[in-house]
Amino acid sequence: MGIDDKINNASEQATGKVKEGVGRATDNERLEAEGRQDQASGHLKQAGEKIKDMFRS
């Protein structure tokens, strides 16, 4: 996994956590759901990169 991919995935997860927290604090269900979606997307991408790395080794 390249360092750029790691940074992008981590930032997507962090952004999702912030969005989810702001959504909860402001009682905005849409923003909260979007934050959870961003987190899940970041986790999924990171898992895909790890699988690719396993096959490269």
N, C-alpha and C. Protein backbone atom coordinates (compact mmCIF):
# COMPACT_ATOMS: atom_id res chain seq x y z
N MET A 1 0.86 -1.15 0.00
CA MET A 1 0.00 0.00 0.00
C MET A 1 0.91 1.22 0.00
N GLY A 2 0.66 2.13 -0.93
CA GLY A 2 1.45 3.34 -0.99
C GLY A 2 1.10 4.29 0.14
N ILE A 3 2.05 5.13 0.47
CA ILE A 3 1.84 6.07 1.56
C ILE A 3 0.72 7.04 1.22
N ASP A 4 0.58 7.40 -0.06
CA ASP A 4 -0.51 8.30 -0.46
C ASP A 4 -1.87 7.66 -0.21
N ASP A 5 -1.98 6.38 -0.50
CA ASP A 5 -3.25 5.68 -0.27
C ASP A 5 -3.57 5.63 1.21
N LYS A 6 -2.56 5.37 2.03
CA LYS A 6 -2.77 5.32 3.48
C LYS A 6 -3.26 6.66 4.00
N ILE A 7 -2.64 7.74 3.53
CA ILE A 7 -3.03 9.08 3.97
C ILE A 7 -4.45 9.40 3.52
N ASN A 8 -4.76 9.11 2.26
CA ASN A 8 -6.10 9.39 1.74
C ASN A 8 -7.17 8.61 2.49
N ASN A 9 -6.92 7.35 2.75
CA ASN A 9 -7.90 6.53 3.47
C ASN A 9 -8.08 7.01 4.90
N ALA A 10 -6.99 7.35 5.55
CA ALA A 10 -7.06 7.84 6.93
C ALA A 10 -7.79 9.17 6.99
N SER A 11 -7.54 10.04 6.01
CA SER A 11 -8.21 11.34 6.03
C SER A 11 -9.70 11.18 5.76
N GLU A 12 -10.06 10.24 4.91
CA GLU A 12 -11.48 9.99 4.64
C GLU A 12 -12.18 9.47 5.90
N GLN A 13 -11.51 8.61 6.63
CA GLN A 13 -12.08 8.10 7.88
C GLN A 13 -12.20 9.21 8.92
N ALA A 14 -11.18 10.05 9.02
CA ALA A 14 -11.21 11.15 9.99
C ALA A 14 -12.30 12.16 9.63
N THR A 15 -12.43 12.46 8.36
CA THR A 15 -13.48 13.38 7.91
C THR A 15 -14.85 12.81 8.25
N GLY A 16 -15.01 11.52 8.05
CA GLY A 16 -16.26 10.86 8.39
C GLY A 16 -16.59 10.95 9.86
N LYS A 17 -15.58 10.78 10.71
CA LYS A 17 -15.80 10.88 12.16
C LYS A 17 -16.23 12.28 12.55
N VAL A 18 -15.60 13.28 11.94
CA VAL A 18 -15.96 14.66 12.24
C VAL A 18 -17.39 14.94 11.78
N LYS A 19 -17.72 14.53 10.57
CA LYS A 19 -19.07 14.74 10.05
C LYS A 19 -20.11 14.06 10.94
N GLU A 20 -19.82 12.84 11.34
CA GLU A 20 -20.75 12.11 12.20
C GLU A 20 -20.94 12.85 13.53
N GLY A 21 -19.84 13.32 14.11
CA GLY A 21 -19.92 14.04 15.38
C GLY A 21 -20.69 15.34 15.26
N VAL A 22 -20.44 16.09 14.19
CA VAL A 22 -21.16 17.34 13.98
C VAL A 22 -22.64 17.06 13.73
N GLY A 23 -22.92 16.00 12.98
CA GLY A 23 -24.31 15.62 12.72
C GLY A 23 -25.05 15.28 14.00
N ARG A 24 -24.38 14.57 14.89
CA ARG A 24 -25.00 14.23 16.18
C ARG A 24 -25.23 15.48 17.02
N ALA A 25 -24.22 16.36 17.06
CA ALA A 25 -24.30 17.56 17.89
C ALA A 25 -25.39 18.51 17.41
N THR A 26 -25.59 18.57 16.10
CA THR A 26 -26.58 19.49 15.54
C THR A 26 -27.90 18.80 15.24
N ASP A 27 -28.00 17.53 15.59
CA ASP A 27 -29.20 16.73 15.33
C ASP A 27 -29.54 16.69 13.84
N ASN A 28 -28.48 16.58 13.02
CA ASN A 28 -28.63 16.51 11.56
C ASN A 28 -28.37 15.07 11.13
N GLU A 29 -29.44 14.33 10.94
CA GLU A 29 -29.31 12.90 10.62
C GLU A 29 -28.62 12.67 9.29
N ARG A 30 -28.84 13.56 8.34
CA ARG A 30 -28.23 13.40 7.02
C ARG A 30 -26.71 13.51 7.11
N LEU A 31 -26.22 14.50 7.84
CA LEU A 31 -24.78 14.68 7.99
C LEU A 31 -24.16 13.53 8.77
N GLU A 32 -24.87 13.06 9.77
CA GLU A 32 -24.40 11.93 10.57
C GLU A 32 -24.27 10.68 9.69
N ALA A 33 -25.26 10.43 8.86
CA ALA A 33 -25.23 9.27 7.96
C ALA A 33 -24.12 9.41 6.93
N GLU A 34 -23.92 10.62 6.44
CA GLU A 34 -22.84 10.85 5.48
C GLU A 34 -21.48 10.58 6.12
N GLY A 35 -21.33 10.95 7.38
CA GLY A 35 -20.09 10.68 8.10
C GLY A 35 -19.84 9.19 8.26
N ARG A 36 -20.88 8.46 8.60
CA ARG A 36 -20.73 6.99 8.73
C ARG A 36 -20.37 6.39 7.38
N GLN A 37 -20.96 6.90 6.31
CA GLN A 37 -20.67 6.40 4.97
C GLN A 37 -19.21 6.67 4.60
N ASP A 38 -18.71 7.86 4.90
CA ASP A 38 -17.31 8.19 4.62
C ASP A 38 -16.37 7.27 5.38
N GLN A 39 -16.69 7.00 6.63
CA GLN A 39 -15.85 6.10 7.43
C GLN A 39 -15.83 4.70 6.83
N ALA A 40 -16.99 4.20 6.47
CA ALA A 40 -17.07 2.85 5.90
C ALA A 40 -16.30 2.77 4.59
N SER A 41 -16.40 3.81 3.78
CA SER A 41 -15.69 3.84 2.51
C SER A 41 -14.19 3.82 2.73
N GLY A 42 -13.71 4.59 3.68
CA GLY A 42 -12.28 4.60 3.99
C GLY A 42 -11.80 3.25 4.48
N HIS A 43 -12.58 2.60 5.33
CA HIS A 43 -12.22 1.28 5.84
C HIS A 43 -12.18 0.26 4.70
N LEU A 44 -13.15 0.33 3.82
CA LEU A 44 -13.23 -0.61 2.70
C LEU A 44 -12.04 -0.44 1.75
N LYS A 45 -11.70 0.79 1.45
CA LYS A 45 -10.56 1.04 0.57
C LYS A 45 -9.27 0.55 1.21
N GLN A 46 -9.13 0.77 2.50
CA GLN A 46 -7.93 0.33 3.20
C GLN A 46 -7.83 -1.19 3.18
N ALA A 47 -8.94 -1.87 3.38
CA ALA A 47 -8.94 -3.34 3.34
C ALA A 47 -8.57 -3.84 1.94
N GLY A 48 -9.07 -3.18 0.91
CA GLY A 48 -8.74 -3.56 -0.46
C GLY A 48 -7.25 -3.41 -0.74
N GLU A 49 -6.67 -2.34 -0.25
CA GLU A 49 -5.23 -2.13 -0.43
C GLU A 49 -4.41 -3.19 0.30
N LYS A 50 -4.85 -3.59 1.48
CA LYS A 50 -4.13 -4.62 2.23
C LYS A 50 -4.18 -5.95 1.49
N ILE A 51 -5.32 -6.25 0.88
CA ILE A 51 -5.44 -7.50 0.11
C ILE A 51 -4.49 -7.47 -1.08
N LYS A 52 -4.43 -6.33 -1.77
CA LYS A 52 -3.51 -6.20 -2.90
C LYS A 52 -2.08 -6.42 -2.45
N ASP A 53 -1.71 -5.87 -1.30
CA ASP A 53 -0.37 -6.03 -0.77
C ASP A 53 -0.04 -7.48 -0.47
N MET A 54 -1.02 -8.23 0.01
CA MET A 54 -0.80 -9.64 0.32
C MET A 54 -0.44 -10.41 -0.95
N PHE A 55 -1.08 -10.08 -2.07
CA PHE A 55 -0.83 -10.80 -3.30
C PHE A 55 0.48 -10.36 -3.95
N ARG A 56 0.95 -9.18 -3.65
CA ARG A 56 2.20 -8.68 -4.20
C ARG A 56 3.40 -9.32 -3.52
N SER A 57 3.25 -9.71 -2.27
CA SER A 57 4.38 -10.26 -1.50
C SER A 57 4.70 -11.66 -1.88
